[in-house]
Amino acid sequence: MMVVCRVDPHDAFREVDWRTLFFFIGLFVLVAVFSALRPERFPSAFNIANLLNQSAAVVVLAMGLVFVLLLGEIDLSAGFTGGTAAGAGSANGVTLSNFNTPTGGFLRSSTGSISVSGTAGTFR
């Protein structure tokens, strides 16, 4: 026996979540506008790498918060802890960058930010 499945092509558009798609359309419009305004700078590989590099810390925090929210725990202290650790790390990095060793400032600022985030996470 042969089964024939008839699908109305208009049903595919009814199942699309247009609210979610609206954000992607807006992102595409923004990229197109800025690429048209500055074609020599905006769509360059250096700028895209710079955007990805600057958003990496926020993406890592967001991925961690997704798991917390999926478990049903509404815990917003991860953002505070991450921000405090980033602030402490950058402050230590600027203060300690005067050392002549190439990795001295990095190791000290990393140790400082891990200490601050561990303390903030313990006593939250």
PDB file of N, CA and C in Angstrom:
ATOM      1  N   MET A   1       0.837  -1.157   0.000  1.00  0.00           N
ATOM      2  CA  MET A   1       0.000   0.000   0.000  1.00  0.00           C
ATOM      3  C   MET A   1       0.897   1.240   0.000  1.00  0.00           C
ATOM      4  N   MET A   2       0.547   2.228  -0.770  1.00  0.00           N
ATOM      5  CA  MET A   2       1.329   3.446  -0.903  1.00  0.00           C
ATOM      6  C   MET A   2       0.644   4.563  -0.128  1.00  0.00           C
ATOM      7  N   VAL A   3       1.436   5.215   0.715  1.00  0.00           N
ATOM      8  CA  VAL A   3       0.907   6.315   1.521  1.00  0.00           C
ATOM      9  C   VAL A   3       1.343   7.620   0.875  1.00  0.00           C
ATOM     10  N   VAL A   4       0.388   8.479   0.633  1.00  0.00           N
ATOM     11  CA  VAL A   4       0.670   9.773   0.029  1.00  0.00           C
ATOM     12  C   VAL A   4       0.455  10.835   1.099  1.00  0.00           C
ATOM     13  N   CYS A   5       1.461  11.642   1.290  1.00  0.00           N
ATOM     14  CA  CYS A   5       1.378  12.712   2.285  1.00  0.00           C
ATOM     15  C   CYS A   5       1.266  14.034   1.542  1.00  0.00           C
ATOM     16  N   ARG A   6       0.180  14.686   1.740  1.00  0.00           N
ATOM     17  CA  ARG A   6      -0.008  15.982   1.093  1.00  0.00           C
ATOM     18  C   ARG A   6       0.202  17.078   2.129  1.00  0.00           C
ATOM     19  N   VAL A   7       1.155  17.930   1.843  1.00  0.00           N
ATOM     20  CA  VAL A   7       1.483  19.010   2.759  1.00  0.00           C
ATOM     21  C   VAL A   7       1.170  20.325   2.070  1.00  0.00           C
ATOM     22  N   ASP A   8       0.440  21.126   2.763  1.00  0.00           N
ATOM     23  CA  ASP A   8       0.154  22.454   2.248  1.00  0.00           C
ATOM     24  C   ASP A   8       1.391  23.322   2.448  1.00  0.00           C
ATOM     25  N   PRO A   9       1.926  23.966   1.395  1.00  0.00           N
ATOM     26  CA  PRO A   9       3.143  24.779   1.574  1.00  0.00           C
ATOM     27  C   PRO A   9       2.931  25.975   2.492  1.00  0.00           C
ATOM     28  N   HIS A  10       1.696  26.382   2.689  1.00  0.00           N
ATOM     29  CA  HIS A  10       1.435  27.517   3.573  1.00  0.00           C
ATOM     30  C   HIS A  10       1.550  27.128   5.042  1.00  0.00           C
ATOM     31  N   ASP A  11       1.451  25.820   5.358  1.00  0.00           N
ATOM     32  CA  ASP A  11       1.584  25.374   6.743  1.00  0.00           C
ATOM     33  C   ASP A  11       3.010  25.572   7.259  1.00  0.00           C
ATOM     34  N   ALA A  12       3.989  25.512   6.387  1.00  0.00           N
ATOM     35  CA  ALA A  12       5.374  25.689   6.813  1.00  0.00           C
ATOM     36  C   ALA A  12       5.593  27.101   7.360  1.00  0.00           C
ATOM     37  N   PHE A  13       4.938  28.093   6.783  1.00  0.00           N
ATOM     38  CA  PHE A  13       5.091  29.458   7.262  1.00  0.00           C
ATOM     39  C   PHE A  13       4.304  29.697   8.541  1.00  0.00           C
ATOM     40  N   ARG A  14       3.283  28.924   8.797  1.00  0.00           N
ATOM     41  CA  ARG A  14       2.527  29.083  10.035  1.00  0.00           C
ATOM     42  C   ARG A  14       3.298  28.556  11.234  1.00  0.00           C
ATOM     43  N   GLU A  15       4.191  27.583  11.000  1.00  0.00           N
ATOM     44  CA  GLU A  15       4.934  26.980  12.096  1.00  0.00           C
ATOM     45  C   GLU A  15       6.212  27.729  12.440  1.00  0.00           C
ATOM     46  N   VAL A  16       6.589  28.725  11.663  1.00  0.00           N
ATOM     47  CA  VAL A  16       7.798  29.491  11.939  1.00  0.00           C
ATOM     48  C   VAL A  16       7.524  30.453  13.088  1.00  0.00           C
ATOM     49  N   ASP A  17       8.427  30.466  14.048  1.00  0.00           N
ATOM     50  CA  ASP A  17       8.302  31.400  15.160  1.00  0.00           C
ATOM     51  C   ASP A  17       8.874  32.743  14.708  1.00  0.00           C
ATOM     52  N   TRP A  18       8.008  33.639  14.288  1.00  0.00           N
ATOM     53  CA  TRP A  18       8.437  34.901  13.705  1.00  0.00           C
ATOM     54  C   TRP A  18       9.071  35.819  14.726  1.00  0.00           C
ATOM     55  N   ARG A  19       8.752  35.651  16.008  1.00  0.00           N
ATOM     56  CA  ARG A  19       9.382  36.490  17.028  1.00  0.00           C
ATOM     57  C   ARG A  19      10.874  36.191  17.130  1.00  0.00           C
ATOM     58  N   THR A  20      11.247  34.925  17.035  1.00  0.00           N
ATOM     59  CA  THR A  20      12.652  34.557  17.063  1.00  0.00           C
ATOM     60  C   THR A  20      13.337  34.956  15.764  1.00  0.00           C
ATOM     61  N   LEU A  21      12.663  34.748  14.664  1.00  0.00           N
ATOM     62  CA  LEU A  21      13.231  35.080  13.366  1.00  0.00           C
ATOM     63  C   LEU A  21      13.431  36.582  13.214  1.00  0.00           C
ATOM     64  N   PHE A  22      12.623  37.384  13.893  1.00  0.00           N
ATOM     65  CA  PHE A  22      12.737  38.840  13.832  1.00  0.00           C
ATOM     66  C   PHE A  22      14.111  39.310  14.296  1.00  0.00           C
ATOM     67  N   PHE A  23      14.684  38.685  15.320  1.00  0.00           N
ATOM     68  CA  PHE A  23      16.001  39.073  15.824  1.00  0.00           C
ATOM     69  C   PHE A  23      17.099  38.766  14.810  1.00  0.00           C
ATOM     70  N   PHE A  24      16.984  37.637  14.127  1.00  0.00           N
ATOM     71  CA  PHE A  24      17.977  37.305  13.110  1.00  0.00           C
ATOM     72  C   PHE A  24      17.878  38.239  11.906  1.00  0.00           C
ATOM     73  N   ILE A  25      16.656  38.615  11.552  1.00  0.00           N
ATOM     74  CA  ILE A  25      16.474  39.572  10.462  1.00  0.00           C
ATOM     75  C   ILE A  25      17.072  40.923  10.862  1.00  0.00           C
ATOM     76  N   GLY A  26      16.845  41.349  12.093  1.00  0.00           N
ATOM     77  CA  GLY A  26      17.428  42.600  12.577  1.00  0.00           C
ATOM     78  C   GLY A  26      18.948  42.557  12.588  1.00  0.00           C
ATOM     79  N   LEU A  27      19.525  41.437  12.999  1.00  0.00           N
ATOM     80  CA  LEU A  27      20.979  41.292  12.989  1.00  0.00           C
ATOM     81  C   LEU A  27      21.523  41.368  11.571  1.00  0.00           C
ATOM     82  N   PHE A  28      20.842  40.713  10.632  1.00  0.00           N
ATOM     83  CA  PHE A  28      21.261  40.752   9.237  1.00  0.00           C
ATOM     84  C   PHE A  28      21.182  42.171   8.683  1.00  0.00           C
ATOM     85  N   VAL A  29      20.137  42.909   9.033  1.00  0.00           N
ATOM     86  CA  VAL A  29      19.990  44.294   8.565  1.00  0.00           C
ATOM     87  C   VAL A  29      21.115  45.163   9.135  1.00  0.00           C
ATOM     88  N   LEU A  30      21.436  44.992  10.417  1.00  0.00           N
ATOM     89  CA  LEU A  30      22.516  45.776  11.020  1.00  0.00           C
ATOM     90  C   LEU A  30      23.867  45.488  10.354  1.00  0.00           C
ATOM     91  N   VAL A  31      24.161  44.231  10.107  1.00  0.00           N
ATOM     92  CA  VAL A  31      25.418  43.875   9.447  1.00  0.00           C
ATOM     93  C   VAL A  31      25.453  44.455   8.035  1.00  0.00           C
ATOM     94  N   ALA A  32      24.328  44.389   7.315  1.00  0.00           N
ATOM     95  CA  ALA A  32      24.289  44.927   5.954  1.00  0.00           C
ATOM     96  C   ALA A  32      24.474  46.443   5.951  1.00  0.00           C
ATOM     97  N   VAL A  33      23.837  47.148   6.896  1.00  0.00           N
ATOM     98  CA  VAL A  33      23.954  48.609   6.939  1.00  0.00           C
ATOM     99  C   VAL A  33      25.380  49.024   7.276  1.00  0.00           C
ATOM    100  N   PHE A  34      25.964  48.430   8.297  1.00  0.00           N
ATOM    101  CA  PHE A  34      27.327  48.815   8.679  1.00  0.00           C
ATOM    102  C   PHE A  34      28.354  48.385   7.641  1.00  0.00           C
ATOM    103  N   SER A  35      28.100  47.282   6.954  1.00  0.00           N
ATOM    104  CA  SER A  35      29.010  46.876   5.884  1.00  0.00           C
ATOM    105  C   SER A  35      28.924  47.845   4.708  1.00  0.00           C
ATOM    106  N   ALA A  36      27.733  48.393   4.463  1.00  0.00           N
ATOM    107  CA  ALA A  36      27.583  49.365   3.380  1.00  0.00           C
ATOM    108  C   ALA A  36      28.204  50.707   3.765  1.00  0.00           C
ATOM    109  N   LEU A  37      28.122  51.076   5.046  1.00  0.00           N
ATOM    110  CA  LEU A  37      28.674  52.359   5.470  1.00  0.00           C
ATOM    111  C   LEU A  37      30.204  52.351   5.518  1.00  0.00           C
ATOM    112  N   ARG A  38      30.791  51.278   5.982  1.00  0.00           N
ATOM    113  CA  ARG A  38      32.254  51.159   6.086  1.00  0.00           C
ATOM    114  C   ARG A  38      32.713  49.856   5.448  1.00  0.00           C
ATOM    115  N   PRO A  39      32.682  49.753   4.125  1.00  0.00           N
ATOM    116  CA  PRO A  39      33.027  48.460   3.490  1.00  0.00           C
ATOM    117  C   PRO A  39      34.488  48.060   3.651  1.00  0.00           C
ATOM    118  N   GLU A  40      35.361  49.020   3.937  1.00  0.00           N
ATOM    119  CA  GLU A  40      36.780  48.673   4.083  1.00  0.00           C
ATOM    120  C   GLU A  40      37.118  48.211   5.494  1.00  0.00           C
ATOM    121  N   ARG A  41      36.261  48.508   6.477  1.00  0.00           N
ATOM    122  CA  ARG A  41      36.601  48.168   7.860  1.00  0.00           C
ATOM    123  C   ARG A  41      35.661  47.146   8.491  1.00  0.00           C
ATOM    124  N   PHE A  42      34.361  47.331   8.353  1.00  0.00           N
ATOM    125  CA  PHE A  42      33.423  46.504   9.132  1.00  0.00           C
ATOM    126  C   PHE A  42      33.465  45.028   8.760  1.00  0.00           C
ATOM    127  N   PRO A  43      33.371  44.649   7.479  1.00  0.00           N
ATOM    128  CA  PRO A  43      33.357  43.200   7.188  1.00  0.00           C
ATOM    129  C   PRO A  43      34.743  42.565   7.128  1.00  0.00           C
ATOM    130  N   SER A  44      35.753  43.217   7.677  1.00  0.00           N
ATOM    131  CA  SER A  44      37.107  42.661   7.609  1.00  0.00           C
ATOM    132  C   SER A  44      37.277  41.516   8.615  1.00  0.00           C
ATOM    133  N   ALA A  45      38.237  40.668   8.352  1.00  0.00           N
ATOM    134  CA  ALA A  45      38.510  39.531   9.244  1.00  0.00           C
ATOM    135  C   ALA A  45      38.995  40.014  10.606  1.00  0.00           C
ATOM    136  N   PHE A  46      39.746  41.115  10.632  1.00  0.00           N
ATOM    137  CA  PHE A  46      40.234  41.658  11.900  1.00  0.00           C
ATOM    138  C   PHE A  46      39.073  42.115  12.779  1.00  0.00           C
ATOM    139  N   ASN A  47      38.082  42.780  12.199  1.00  0.00           N
ATOM    140  CA  ASN A  47      36.954  43.267  12.976  1.00  0.00           C
ATOM    141  C   ASN A  47      36.088  42.118  13.491  1.00  0.00           C
ATOM    142  N   ILE A  48      35.875  41.113  12.659  1.00  0.00           N
ATOM    143  CA  ILE A  48      35.071  39.963  13.102  1.00  0.00           C
ATOM    144  C   ILE A  48      35.786  39.218  14.226  1.00  0.00           C
ATOM    145  N   ALA A  49      37.096  39.045  14.097  1.00  0.00           N
ATOM    146  CA  ALA A  49      37.866  38.403  15.168  1.00  0.00           C
ATOM    147  C   ALA A  49      37.831  39.249  16.436  1.00  0.00           C
ATOM    148  N   ASN A  50      37.872  40.559  16.297  1.00  0.00           N
ATOM    149  CA  ASN A  50      37.796  41.450  17.449  1.00  0.00           C
ATOM    150  C   ASN A  50      36.439  41.340  18.145  1.00  0.00           C
ATOM    151  N   LEU A  51      35.353  41.279  17.377  1.00  0.00           N
ATOM    152  CA  LEU A  51      34.017  41.120  17.964  1.00  0.00           C
ATOM    153  C   LEU A  51      33.894  39.793  18.709  1.00  0.00           C
ATOM    154  N   LEU A  52      34.399  38.725  18.113  1.00  0.00           N
ATOM    155  CA  LEU A  52      34.342  37.422  18.772  1.00  0.00           C
ATOM    156  C   LEU A  52      35.201  37.385  20.024  1.00  0.00           C
ATOM    157  N   ASN A  53      36.353  38.027  19.970  1.00  0.00           N
ATOM    158  CA  ASN A  53      37.265  38.050  21.114  1.00  0.00           C
ATOM    159  C   ASN A  53      36.661  38.829  22.277  1.00  0.00           C
ATOM    160  N   GLN A  54      36.011  39.950  21.982  1.00  0.00           N
ATOM    161  CA  GLN A  54      35.436  40.766  23.048  1.00  0.00           C
ATOM    162  C   GLN A  54      34.190  40.136  23.662  1.00  0.00           C
ATOM    163  N   SER A  55      33.478  39.319  22.897  1.00  0.00           N
ATOM    164  CA  SER A  55      32.253  38.728  23.432  1.00  0.00           C
ATOM    165  C   SER A  55      32.476  37.353  24.052  1.00  0.00           C
ATOM    166  N   ALA A  56      33.686  36.847  24.064  1.00  0.00           N
ATOM    167  CA  ALA A  56      33.947  35.487  24.546  1.00  0.00           C
ATOM    168  C   ALA A  56      33.607  35.316  26.020  1.00  0.00           C
ATOM    169  N   ALA A  57      33.967  36.279  26.856  1.00  0.00           N
ATOM    170  CA  ALA A  57      33.706  36.141  28.291  1.00  0.00           C
ATOM    171  C   ALA A  57      32.213  36.164  28.578  1.00  0.00           C
ATOM    172  N   VAL A  58      31.476  37.003  27.883  1.00  0.00           N
ATOM    173  CA  VAL A  58      30.023  37.075  28.085  1.00  0.00           C
ATOM    174  C   VAL A  58      29.359  35.786  27.609  1.00  0.00           C
ATOM    175  N   VAL A  59      29.848  35.216  26.529  1.00  0.00           N
ATOM    176  CA  VAL A  59      29.285  33.965  26.019  1.00  0.00           C
ATOM    177  C   VAL A  59      29.531  32.820  27.003  1.00  0.00           C
ATOM    178  N   VAL A  60      30.699  32.757  27.603  1.00  0.00           N
ATOM    179  CA  VAL A  60      30.996  31.704  28.582  1.00  0.00           C
ATOM    180  C   VAL A  60      30.082  31.845  29.799  1.00  0.00           C
ATOM    181  N   LEU A  61      29.893  33.067  30.289  1.00  0.00           N
ATOM    182  CA  LEU A  61      28.972  33.283  31.414  1.00  0.00           C
ATOM    183  C   LEU A  61      27.544  32.911  31.043  1.00  0.00           C
ATOM    184  N   ALA A  62      27.122  33.269  29.838  1.00  0.00           N
ATOM    185  CA  ALA A  62      25.757  32.954  29.404  1.00  0.00           C
ATOM    186  C   ALA A  62      25.546  31.452  29.277  1.00  0.00           C
ATOM    187  N   MET A  63      26.552  30.739  28.775  1.00  0.00           N
ATOM    188  CA  MET A  63      26.420  29.287  28.671  1.00  0.00           C
ATOM    189  C   MET A  63      26.321  28.645  30.049  1.00  0.00           C
ATOM    190  N   GLY A  64      27.080  29.156  31.006  1.00  0.00           N
ATOM    191  CA  GLY A  64      26.980  28.639  32.369  1.00  0.00           C
ATOM    192  C   GLY A  64      25.627  28.923  32.994  1.00  0.00           C
ATOM    193  N   LEU A  65      25.074  30.101  32.724  1.00  0.00           N
ATOM    194  CA  LEU A  65      23.767  30.441  33.281  1.00  0.00           C
ATOM    195  C   LEU A  65      22.647  29.629  32.650  1.00  0.00           C
ATOM    196  N   VAL A  66      22.808  29.212  31.403  1.00  0.00           N
ATOM    197  CA  VAL A  66      21.779  28.389  30.759  1.00  0.00           C
ATOM    198  C   VAL A  66      21.601  27.082  31.516  1.00  0.00           C
ATOM    199  N   PHE A  67      22.697  26.452  31.925  1.00  0.00           N
ATOM    200  CA  PHE A  67      22.588  25.197  32.665  1.00  0.00           C
ATOM    201  C   PHE A  67      21.934  25.417  34.027  1.00  0.00           C
ATOM    202  N   VAL A  68      22.244  26.526  34.662  1.00  0.00           N
ATOM    203  CA  VAL A  68      21.632  26.821  35.961  1.00  0.00           C
ATOM    204  C   VAL A  68      20.128  27.036  35.795  1.00  0.00           C
ATOM    205  N   LEU A  69      19.735  27.773  34.777  1.00  0.00           N
ATOM    206  CA  LEU A  69      18.321  28.041  34.557  1.00  0.00           C
ATOM    207  C   LEU A  69      17.564  26.800  34.090  1.00  0.00           C
ATOM    208  N   LEU A  70      18.215  25.918  33.329  1.00  0.00           N
ATOM    209  CA  LEU A  70      17.556  24.686  32.902  1.00  0.00           C
ATOM    210  C   LEU A  70      17.275  23.757  34.075  1.00  0.00           C
ATOM    211  N   LEU A  71      18.097  23.821  35.098  1.00  0.00           N
ATOM    212  CA  LEU A  71      17.866  22.998  36.285  1.00  0.00           C
ATOM    213  C   LEU A  71      16.773  23.568  37.174  1.00  0.00           C
ATOM    214  N   GLY A  72      16.282  24.745  36.843  1.00  0.00           N
ATOM    215  CA  GLY A  72      15.213  25.353  37.625  1.00  0.00           C
ATOM    216  C   GLY A  72      15.702  26.242  38.739  1.00  0.00           C
ATOM    217  N   GLU A  73      16.981  26.400  38.854  1.00  0.00           N
ATOM    218  CA  GLU A  73      17.540  27.272  39.882  1.00  0.00           C
ATOM    219  C   GLU A  73      17.660  28.675  39.299  1.00  0.00           C
ATOM    220  N   ILE A  74      16.975  29.607  39.881  1.00  0.00           N
ATOM    221  CA  ILE A  74      17.082  30.990  39.419  1.00  0.00           C
ATOM    222  C   ILE A  74      18.186  31.634  40.248  1.00  0.00           C
ATOM    223  N   ASP A  75      19.388  31.595  39.716  1.00  0.00           N
ATOM    224  CA  ASP A  75      20.551  32.085  40.436  1.00  0.00           C
ATOM    225  C   ASP A  75      21.262  33.099  39.561  1.00  0.00           C
ATOM    226  N   LEU A  76      21.092  34.357  39.873  1.00  0.00           N
ATOM    227  CA  LEU A  76      21.693  35.411  39.074  1.00  0.00           C
ATOM    228  C   LEU A  76      23.023  35.881  39.636  1.00  0.00           C
ATOM    229  N   SER A  77      23.541  35.209  40.637  1.00  0.00           N
ATOM    230  CA  SER A  77      24.799  35.644  41.226  1.00  0.00           C
ATOM    231  C   SER A  77      25.998  35.287  40.351  1.00  0.00           C
ATOM    232  N   ALA A  78      25.804  34.428  39.359  1.00  0.00           N
ATOM    233  CA  ALA A  78      26.919  34.077  38.478  1.00  0.00           C
ATOM    234  C   ALA A  78      27.375  35.289  37.671  1.00  0.00           C
ATOM    235  N   GLY A  79      26.458  36.113  37.247  1.00  0.00           N
ATOM    236  CA  GLY A  79      26.823  37.336  36.535  1.00  0.00           C
ATOM    237  C   GLY A  79      27.599  38.288  37.416  1.00  0.00           C
ATOM    238  N   PHE A  80      27.166  38.422  38.659  1.00  0.00           N
ATOM    239  CA  PHE A  80      27.876  39.288  39.604  1.00  0.00           C
ATOM    240  C   PHE A  80      29.276  38.755  39.876  1.00  0.00           C
ATOM    241  N   THR A  81      29.373  37.445  40.086  1.00  0.00           N
ATOM    242  CA  THR A  81      30.675  36.845  40.374  1.00  0.00           C
ATOM    243  C   THR A  81      31.613  36.987  39.178  1.00  0.00           C
ATOM    244  N   GLY A  82      31.094  36.752  37.980  1.00  0.00           N
ATOM    245  CA  GLY A  82      31.916  36.897  36.781  1.00  0.00           C
ATOM    246  C   GLY A  82      32.352  38.331  36.553  1.00  0.00           C
ATOM    247  N   GLY A  83      31.440  39.277  36.768  1.00  0.00           N
ATOM    248  CA  GLY A  83      31.799  40.687  36.613  1.00  0.00           C
ATOM    249  C   GLY A  83      32.815  41.148  37.634  1.00  0.00           C
ATOM    250  N   THR A  84      32.651  40.694  38.870  1.00  0.00           N
ATOM    251  CA  THR A  84      33.608  41.054  39.915  1.00  0.00           C
ATOM    252  C   THR A  84      34.984  40.463  39.627  1.00  0.00           C
ATOM    253  N   ALA A  85      35.007  39.215  39.165  1.00  0.00           N
ATOM    254  CA  ALA A  85      36.288  38.587  38.837  1.00  0.00           C
ATOM    255  C   ALA A  85      36.951  39.277  37.648  1.00  0.00           C
ATOM    256  N   ALA A  86      36.149  39.677  36.660  1.00  0.00           N
ATOM    257  CA  ALA A  86      36.717  40.380  35.507  1.00  0.00           C
ATOM    258  C   ALA A  86      37.264  41.742  35.915  1.00  0.00           C
ATOM    259  N   GLY A  87      36.537  42.435  36.773  1.00  0.00           N
ATOM    260  CA  GLY A  87      37.024  43.729  37.249  1.00  0.00           C
ATOM    261  C   GLY A  87      38.292  43.602  38.064  1.00  0.00           C
ATOM    262  N   ALA A  88      38.338  42.606  38.936  1.00  0.00           N
ATOM    263  CA  ALA A  88      39.545  42.400  39.743  1.00  0.00           C
ATOM    264  C   ALA A  88      40.713  41.983  38.865  1.00  0.00           C
ATOM    265  N   GLY A  89      40.459  41.134  37.880  1.00  0.00           N
ATOM    266  CA  GLY A  89      41.533  40.701  36.990  1.00  0.00           C
ATOM    267  C   GLY A  89      42.078  41.830  36.152  1.00  0.00           C
ATOM    268  N   SER A  90      41.188  42.679  35.650  1.00  0.00           N
ATOM    269  CA  SER A  90      41.678  43.792  34.834  1.00  0.00           C
ATOM    270  C   SER A  90      42.400  44.828  35.688  1.00  0.00           C
ATOM    271  N   ALA A  91      41.887  45.084  36.891  1.00  0.00           N
ATOM    272  CA  ALA A  91      42.577  46.032  37.775  1.00  0.00           C
ATOM    273  C   ALA A  91      43.947  45.507  38.173  1.00  0.00           C
ATOM    274  N   ASN A  92      44.021  44.226  38.498  1.00  0.00           N
ATOM    275  CA  ASN A  92      45.322  43.636  38.838  1.00  0.00           C
ATOM    276  C   ASN A  92      46.248  43.611  37.629  1.00  0.00           C
ATOM    277  N   GLY A  93      45.697  43.354  36.441  1.00  0.00           N
ATOM    278  CA  GLY A  93      46.519  43.317  35.241  1.00  0.00           C
ATOM    279  C   GLY A  93      47.116  44.665  34.912  1.00  0.00           C
ATOM    280  N   VAL A  94      46.331  45.729  35.101  1.00  0.00           N
ATOM    281  CA  VAL A  94      46.856  47.066  34.836  1.00  0.00           C
ATOM    282  C   VAL A  94      47.880  47.448  35.890  1.00  0.00           C
ATOM    283  N   THR A  95      47.597  47.142  37.149  1.00  0.00           N
ATOM    284  CA  THR A  95      48.513  47.493  38.229  1.00  0.00           C
ATOM    285  C   THR A  95      49.803  46.699  38.155  1.00  0.00           C
ATOM    286  N   LEU A  96      49.698  45.412  37.829  1.00  0.00           N
ATOM    287  CA  LEU A  96      50.862  44.539  37.857  1.00  0.00           C
ATOM    288  C   LEU A  96      51.578  44.429  36.521  1.00  0.00           C
ATOM    289  N   SER A  97      51.145  45.176  35.511  1.00  0.00           N
ATOM    290  CA  SER A  97      51.791  45.070  34.207  1.00  0.00           C
ATOM    291  C   SER A  97      53.136  45.767  34.163  1.00  0.00           C
ATOM    292  N   ASN A  98      53.515  46.436  35.243  1.00  0.00           N
ATOM    293  CA  ASN A  98      54.795  47.129  35.277  1.00  0.00           C
ATOM    294  C   ASN A  98      55.963  46.188  35.550  1.00  0.00           C
ATOM    295  N   PHE A  99      55.683  44.917  35.869  1.00  0.00           N
ATOM    296  CA  PHE A  99      56.760  43.960  36.096  1.00  0.00           C
ATOM    297  C   PHE A  99      57.450  43.644  34.778  1.00  0.00           C
ATOM    298  N   ASN A 100      58.738  43.390  34.830  1.00  0.00           N
ATOM    299  CA  ASN A 100      59.509  43.170  33.619  1.00  0.00           C
ATOM    300  C   ASN A 100      59.351  41.775  33.033  1.00  0.00           C
ATOM    301  N   THR A 101      58.811  40.838  33.799  1.00  0.00           N
ATOM    302  CA  THR A 101      58.634  39.492  33.265  1.00  0.00           C
ATOM    303  C   THR A 101      57.439  39.485  32.314  1.00  0.00           C
ATOM    304  N   PRO A 102      57.512  38.760  31.204  1.00  0.00           N
ATOM    305  CA  PRO A 102      56.417  38.800  30.239  1.00  0.00           C
ATOM    306  C   PRO A 102      55.131  38.178  30.755  1.00  0.00           C
ATOM    307  N   THR A 103      55.213  37.166  31.628  1.00  0.00           N
ATOM    308  CA  THR A 103      53.997  36.533  32.125  1.00  0.00           C
ATOM    309  C   THR A 103      53.704  36.893  33.572  1.00  0.00           C
ATOM    310  N   GLY A 104      54.509  37.743  34.166  1.00  0.00           N
ATOM    311  CA  GLY A 104      54.302  38.069  35.579  1.00  0.00           C
ATOM    312  C   GLY A 104      52.977  38.743  35.840  1.00  0.00           C
ATOM    313  N   GLY A 105      52.631  39.732  35.036  1.00  0.00           N
ATOM    314  CA  GLY A 105      51.367  40.435  35.219  1.00  0.00           C
ATOM    315  C   GLY A 105      50.172  39.543  34.953  1.00  0.00           C
ATOM    316  N   PHE A 106      50.281  38.696  33.922  1.00  0.00           N
ATOM    317  CA  PHE A 106      49.173  37.805  33.585  1.00  0.00           C
ATOM    318  C   PHE A 106      48.918  36.782  34.677  1.00  0.00           C
ATOM    319  N   LEU A 107      49.980  36.157  35.170  1.00  0.00           N
ATOM    320  CA  LEU A 107      49.809  35.140  36.211  1.00  0.00           C
ATOM    321  C   LEU A 107      49.274  35.746  37.501  1.00  0.00           C
ATOM    322  N   ARG A 108      49.763  36.923  37.859  1.00  0.00           N
ATOM    323  CA  ARG A 108      49.291  37.557  39.087  1.00  0.00           C
ATOM    324  C   ARG A 108      47.849  38.026  38.948  1.00  0.00           C
ATOM    325  N   SER A 109      47.475  38.568  37.788  1.00  0.00           N
ATOM    326  CA  SER A 109      46.095  39.024  37.616  1.00  0.00           C
ATOM    327  C   SER A 109      45.140  37.833  37.534  1.00  0.00           C
ATOM    328  N   SER A 110      45.575  36.729  36.912  1.00  0.00           N
ATOM    329  CA  SER A 110      44.734  35.531  36.864  1.00  0.00           C
ATOM    330  C   SER A 110      44.523  34.960  38.258  1.00  0.00           C
ATOM    331  N   THR A 111      45.596  34.912  39.043  1.00  0.00           N
ATOM    332  CA  THR A 111      45.477  34.423  40.417  1.00  0.00           C
ATOM    333  C   THR A 111      44.563  35.319  41.234  1.00  0.00           C
ATOM    334  N   GLY A 112      44.687  36.624  41.043  1.00  0.00           N
ATOM    335  CA  GLY A 112      43.823  37.557  41.768  1.00  0.00           C
ATOM    336  C   GLY A 112      42.365  37.420  41.389  1.00  0.00           C
ATOM    337  N   SER A 113      42.069  37.272  40.098  1.00  0.00           N
ATOM    338  CA  SER A 113      40.671  37.163  39.699  1.00  0.00           C
ATOM    339  C   SER A 113      40.063  35.832  40.121  1.00  0.00           C
ATOM    340  N   ILE A 114      40.849  34.748  40.102  1.00  0.00           N
ATOM    341  CA  ILE A 114      40.342  33.458  40.588  1.00  0.00           C
ATOM    342  C   ILE A 114      40.092  33.521  42.088  1.00  0.00           C
ATOM    343  N   SER A 115      40.949  34.191  42.824  1.00  0.00           N
ATOM    344  CA  SER A 115      40.747  34.336  44.270  1.00  0.00           C
ATOM    345  C   SER A 115      39.496  35.147  44.572  1.00  0.00           C
ATOM    346  N   VAL A 116      39.307  36.246  43.852  1.00  0.00           N
ATOM    347  CA  VAL A 116      38.125  37.087  44.087  1.00  0.00           C
ATOM    348  C   VAL A 116      36.850  36.336  43.724  1.00  0.00           C
ATOM    349  N   SER A 117      36.843  35.637  42.576  1.00  0.00           N
ATOM    350  CA  SER A 117      35.629  34.918  42.193  1.00  0.00           C
ATOM    351  C   SER A 117      35.348  33.752  43.125  1.00  0.00           C
ATOM    352  N   GLY A 118      36.390  33.071  43.594  1.00  0.00           N
ATOM    353  CA  GLY A 118      36.179  31.987  44.560  1.00  0.00           C
ATOM    354  C   GLY A 118      35.629  32.498  45.880  1.00  0.00           C
ATOM    355  N   THR A 119      36.146  33.639  46.343  1.00  0.00           N
ATOM    356  CA  THR A 119      35.641  34.214  47.584  1.00  0.00           C
ATOM    357  C   THR A 119      34.205  34.685  47.424  1.00  0.00           C
ATOM    358  N   ALA A 120      33.915  35.357  46.308  1.00  0.00           N
ATOM    359  CA  ALA A 120      32.544  35.834  46.085  1.00  0.00           C
ATOM    360  C   ALA A 120      31.570  34.672  45.934  1.00  0.00           C
ATOM    361  N   GLY A 121      31.997  33.590  45.287  1.00  0.00           N
ATOM    362  CA  GLY A 121      31.132  32.431  45.145  1.00  0.00           C
ATOM    363  C   GLY A 121      30.907  31.691  46.446  1.00  0.00           C
ATOM    364  N   THR A 122      31.898  31.727  47.332  1.00  0.00           N
ATOM    365  CA  THR A 122      31.764  31.031  48.600  1.00  0.00           C
ATOM    366  C   THR A 122      30.824  31.771  49.558  1.00  0.00           C
ATOM    367  N   PHE A 123      30.913  33.073  49.585  1.00  0.00           N
ATOM    368  CA  PHE A 123      30.147  33.857  50.569  1.00  0.00           C
ATOM    369  C   PHE A 123      28.935  34.546  49.972  1.00  0.00           C
ATOM    370  N   ARG A 124      28.405  34.080  48.879  1.00  0.00           N
ATOM    371  CA  ARG A 124      27.258  34.758  48.278  1.00  0.00           C
ATOM    372  C   ARG A 124      25.999  34.537  49.057  1.00  0.00           C
TER     373      ARG A 124
END
